[in-house]
Protein backbone atom coordinates (compact mmCIF):
# COMPACT_ATOMS: atom_id res chain seq x y z
CA MET A 1 84.72 358.43 100.83
CA THR A 2 87.55 358.88 97.93
CA SER A 3 88.74 355.82 95.88
CA PRO A 4 91.82 354.77 95.99
CA ALA A 5 94.06 356.23 92.96
CA PRO A 6 94.36 353.22 90.21
CA ARG A 7 97.61 351.36 90.62
CA PRO A 8 99.46 353.01 87.12
CA SER A 9 99.02 356.22 88.91
CA ARG A 10 100.69 355.29 92.11
CA LYS A 11 103.23 353.14 90.27
CA ARG A 12 103.77 356.01 88.23
CA ALA A 13 104.26 358.74 90.96
CA ALA A 14 106.75 355.93 92.97
CA ILE A 15 108.96 356.02 89.81
CA LEU A 16 109.01 359.76 89.55
CA ALA A 17 109.81 360.24 93.29
CA ALA A 18 112.58 357.72 93.08
CA ALA A 19 114.01 358.94 89.74
CA GLU A 20 113.89 362.77 91.44
CA ALA A 21 115.83 361.39 94.39
CA ALA A 22 118.60 359.36 92.04
CA PHE A 23 118.99 362.30 89.84
CA MET A 24 119.76 364.81 92.38
CA GLU A 25 121.79 362.62 94.69
CA ALA A 26 123.77 361.19 91.15
CA GLY A 27 123.54 363.37 88.32
CA PHE A 28 121.94 362.62 84.91
CA THR A 29 124.46 360.26 83.65
CA GLU A 30 125.31 358.49 86.71
CA ALA A 31 121.63 357.70 87.87
CA GLY A 32 121.20 354.19 86.41
CA MET A 33 117.31 352.80 85.93
CA ASP A 34 118.00 349.68 87.50
CA GLY A 35 118.57 351.75 90.85
CA ILE A 36 115.59 354.17 90.01
CA ALA A 37 113.57 350.89 89.63
CA ALA A 38 114.82 349.15 92.68
CA ARG A 39 114.46 352.49 94.65
CA ALA A 40 110.60 352.46 93.15
CA GLY A 41 110.08 348.76 94.10
CA ALA A 42 109.06 348.47 90.33
CA SER A 43 110.89 346.27 87.47
CA LYS A 44 112.83 347.72 84.77
CA GLN A 45 110.72 346.90 82.43
CA THR A 46 107.85 348.72 84.35
CA VAL A 47 110.31 352.21 84.35
CA TYR A 48 110.64 351.83 80.74
CA ALA A 49 106.89 351.13 79.91
CA HIS A 50 105.36 354.31 81.86
CA PHE A 51 108.41 356.34 80.38
CA GLY A 52 110.61 354.91 77.42
CA SER A 53 113.49 356.17 78.20
CA LYS A 54 115.84 358.40 80.75
CA GLU A 55 115.82 361.11 79.26
CA ALA A 56 111.80 360.98 79.03
CA LEU A 57 111.75 359.95 82.79
CA PHE A 58 114.19 363.23 83.61
CA VAL A 59 111.73 365.47 81.47
CA ALA A 60 108.87 364.07 83.26
CA VAL A 61 110.97 364.74 86.87
CA ALA A 62 111.79 368.21 85.49
CA ASP A 63 107.85 369.20 84.78
CA ALA A 64 106.82 367.76 88.33
CA MET A 65 109.01 369.68 90.01
CA ILE A 66 108.79 372.74 88.83
CA ALA A 67 105.22 372.55 88.39
CA ARG A 68 105.09 372.39 92.25
CA ALA A 69 106.96 375.08 92.25
CA VAL A 70 104.68 376.99 89.90
CA ALA A 71 101.99 376.18 91.99
CA ALA A 72 103.33 377.26 95.05
CA GLN A 73 104.67 380.57 94.00
CA ALA A 74 100.69 381.04 92.19
CA GLN A 75 98.97 380.70 95.58
CA ALA A 76 101.30 382.88 97.15
CA ALA A 77 101.37 385.59 94.64
CA PRO A 78 97.90 385.14 92.97
CA ASP A 79 97.16 386.06 89.11
CA PRO A 80 95.96 389.73 89.27
CA GLY A 81 92.21 390.67 88.83
CA PRO A 82 90.91 393.38 86.89
CA GLY A 83 91.19 395.81 89.83
CA GLU A 84 95.10 395.42 90.92
CA LEU A 85 97.55 397.77 89.81
CA PRO A 86 100.74 396.29 87.88
CA ALA A 87 103.18 397.60 90.58
CA THR A 88 101.20 395.23 93.06
CA PHE A 89 101.06 392.08 91.05
CA LEU A 90 104.83 392.54 89.67
CA LEU A 91 106.73 393.15 93.05
CA ALA A 92 104.84 389.99 94.82
CA HIS A 93 105.36 387.68 91.48
CA ALA A 94 109.29 389.34 91.50
CA MET A 95 109.73 388.40 95.12
CA GLN A 96 108.48 384.86 94.86
CA GLN A 97 110.06 384.15 91.63
CA LEU A 98 113.70 385.02 93.23
CA GLN A 99 112.45 382.66 96.43
CA THR A 100 111.70 380.21 93.80
CA ALA A 101 115.25 380.75 92.24
CA ARG A 102 117.05 380.11 95.59
CA ASP A 103 115.28 376.44 95.87
CA PRO A 104 118.46 374.51 95.87
CA ARG A 105 116.90 371.44 94.40
CA LEU A 106 115.92 373.35 91.35
CA MET A 107 118.79 374.78 90.83
CA ARG A 108 120.46 371.40 90.75
CA LEU A 109 118.17 370.49 88.06
CA ARG A 110 119.18 373.28 86.20
CA ARG A 111 122.77 372.65 86.47
CA LEU A 112 121.83 369.00 85.75
CA ALA A 113 119.97 369.93 82.52
CA THR A 114 122.67 372.73 81.63
CA ALA A 115 125.48 369.98 81.37
CA GLU A 116 123.77 367.63 79.83
CA THR A 117 122.18 369.81 76.98
CA GLU A 118 124.55 368.92 74.42
CA ARG A 119 123.87 365.68 74.27
CA PHE A 120 120.37 365.45 75.04
CA PRO A 121 118.94 369.22 74.41
CA ALA A 122 115.29 367.84 75.20
CA LEU A 123 116.26 368.30 78.76
CA GLY A 124 117.64 372.08 78.82
CA ARG A 125 114.30 372.47 77.05
CA ALA A 126 112.20 370.82 79.35
CA VAL A 127 113.33 372.87 82.53
CA LEU A 128 113.26 376.19 80.08
CA SER A 129 109.69 375.45 79.31
CA ALA A 130 108.25 374.51 82.78
CA GLY A 131 110.17 377.18 84.36
CA ALA A 132 110.71 380.53 82.59
CA GLY A 133 108.32 379.35 80.16
CA SER A 134 105.48 379.15 83.01
CA SER A 135 106.68 382.78 84.36
CA ILE A 136 106.25 384.35 81.13
CA ALA A 137 103.30 382.95 79.85
CA ARG A 138 101.48 384.15 83.33
CA LEU A 139 103.13 387.88 82.76
CA GLU A 140 102.27 388.06 78.98
CA ARG A 141 98.49 387.45 80.57
CA ALA A 142 98.43 389.98 82.93
CA PHE A 143 100.04 392.70 80.59
CA ALA A 144 97.79 391.78 77.90
CA MET A 145 94.89 392.46 80.43
CA TRP A 146 96.63 395.86 81.55
CA ALA A 147 97.15 397.03 77.94
CA ALA A 148 93.74 396.49 77.67
CA SER A 149 92.81 398.62 80.12
CA GLY A 150 95.16 401.38 79.68
CA HIS A 151 97.36 400.51 82.34
CA LEU A 152 100.23 399.60 80.49
CA SER A 153 101.56 400.50 77.10
CA ALA A 154 102.64 397.35 76.01
CA PRO A 155 101.58 396.65 72.49
CA ASP A 156 103.18 393.08 72.36
CA PRO A 157 102.47 391.79 76.04
CA ALA A 158 104.71 388.58 74.94
CA ARG A 159 107.66 390.36 74.31
CA ALA A 160 106.88 392.60 77.86
CA ALA A 161 106.90 389.63 79.37
CA ARG A 162 110.23 387.96 78.31
CA LEU A 163 111.85 391.25 78.95
CA PHE A 164 110.67 391.43 82.62
CA ASN A 165 111.63 388.19 83.37
CA TRP A 166 115.17 388.13 82.05
CA MET A 167 115.83 391.60 83.44
CA LEU A 168 114.49 389.93 86.90
CA MET A 169 115.85 386.64 86.65
CA GLY A 170 119.21 386.97 84.04
CA GLY A 171 121.96 388.45 86.77
CA PRO A 172 120.81 386.72 89.82
CA THR A 173 120.31 383.34 88.40
CA SER A 174 123.19 383.30 86.29
CA GLU A 175 125.49 384.67 89.30
CA ALA A 176 124.00 381.22 90.94
CA MET A 177 125.19 379.00 88.64
CA LEU A 178 128.12 380.47 88.25
CA LEU A 179 129.13 380.64 91.90
CA GLY A 180 127.70 376.95 92.50
CA ARG A 181 125.38 378.25 95.64
CA ALA A 182 121.84 379.07 95.34
CA GLU A 183 121.87 381.16 98.12
CA SER A 184 123.65 384.15 96.11
CA VAL A 185 120.29 384.47 94.13
CA ALA A 186 118.98 388.08 95.27
CA ALA A 187 119.98 386.76 99.22
CA ASP A 188 117.47 388.22 102.27
CA GLU A 189 117.47 392.25 101.72
CA ASP A 190 118.98 392.48 98.47
CA ALA A 191 116.06 390.44 97.01
CA ARG A 192 113.66 392.93 97.54
CA ALA A 193 115.87 395.95 96.41
CA HIS A 194 116.61 394.07 93.41
CA ALA A 195 113.01 393.46 92.82
CA GLN A 196 111.72 397.17 93.16
CA GLU A 197 114.24 398.22 90.89
CA CYS A 198 113.36 396.01 88.13
CA VAL A 199 109.59 396.84 88.89
CA ARG A 200 110.54 400.66 88.38
CA VAL A 201 112.42 400.34 85.37
CA PHE A 202 110.00 398.08 83.70
CA LEU A 203 107.02 400.93 84.25
CA ALA A 204 109.39 403.42 83.24
CA ALA A 205 109.42 401.84 80.00
CA TYR A 206 105.80 400.23 79.73
CA GLY A 207 103.72 402.58 82.29
CA PRO A 208 100.81 403.79 80.62
CA SER A 209 102.04 407.35 79.68
CA ALA A 210 105.28 405.54 78.22
CA GLU A 211 105.53 405.43 74.51
CA PRO A 212 105.13 401.88 72.90
CA ALA A 213 108.37 400.08 72.42
CA PRO A 214 109.44 399.94 69.20
CA ALA A 215 108.66 396.68 67.29
CA PRO A 216 111.87 394.76 65.92
CA ALA A 217 112.84 395.25 62.84
CA PRO A 218 112.03 392.89 60.02
CA ALA A 219 114.75 390.17 59.18
CA ASP A 220 116.42 390.76 55.98
CA ARG A 221 115.35 387.85 53.68
CA SER A 222 117.45 388.99 50.94
């Protein structure tokens, strides 16, 4: 029989759920710690004991929201095995990434972090690291494997991973952020066409017969 979760874990989860609801409804500035504590059935002192500040609580909420999305994406498009070719994985990864970007709650989270990034830069860093950072790290591992096996010409897997991620996400995500609707992110039939073109362009540059991408010029320190 599974033992019940310790009370601090349950309380922390309740605070995170209450904070997520409050931030999604009211935004970072308007969501108050008193209201979050009341929704969680906790005292404000307990909320501060767990998270220290509203900024830290938002970062924890962002981490939890994005972690759920990353886990769902990894389940739908698992990391490639040694025998899987790049094109197969990249298309599956790209389609799942675009689907994740269309989640209205994640879009709302990005907008909240962007709106507050001047006053609270940790919010933007948290969303960037947990979101794009996780995707880029996943791609980097796959590219390093394929570079070693000769399936990619990618002497700098980290650089190649950043390029593919932002080629895929840059336009659609920026469009959605500026137009104010998550459904504009490579919706429906456009999503596959966009993903396929990104994979085609990437493999044209980094496929096994491609010349290695030039290394960036060293910074002038004179």
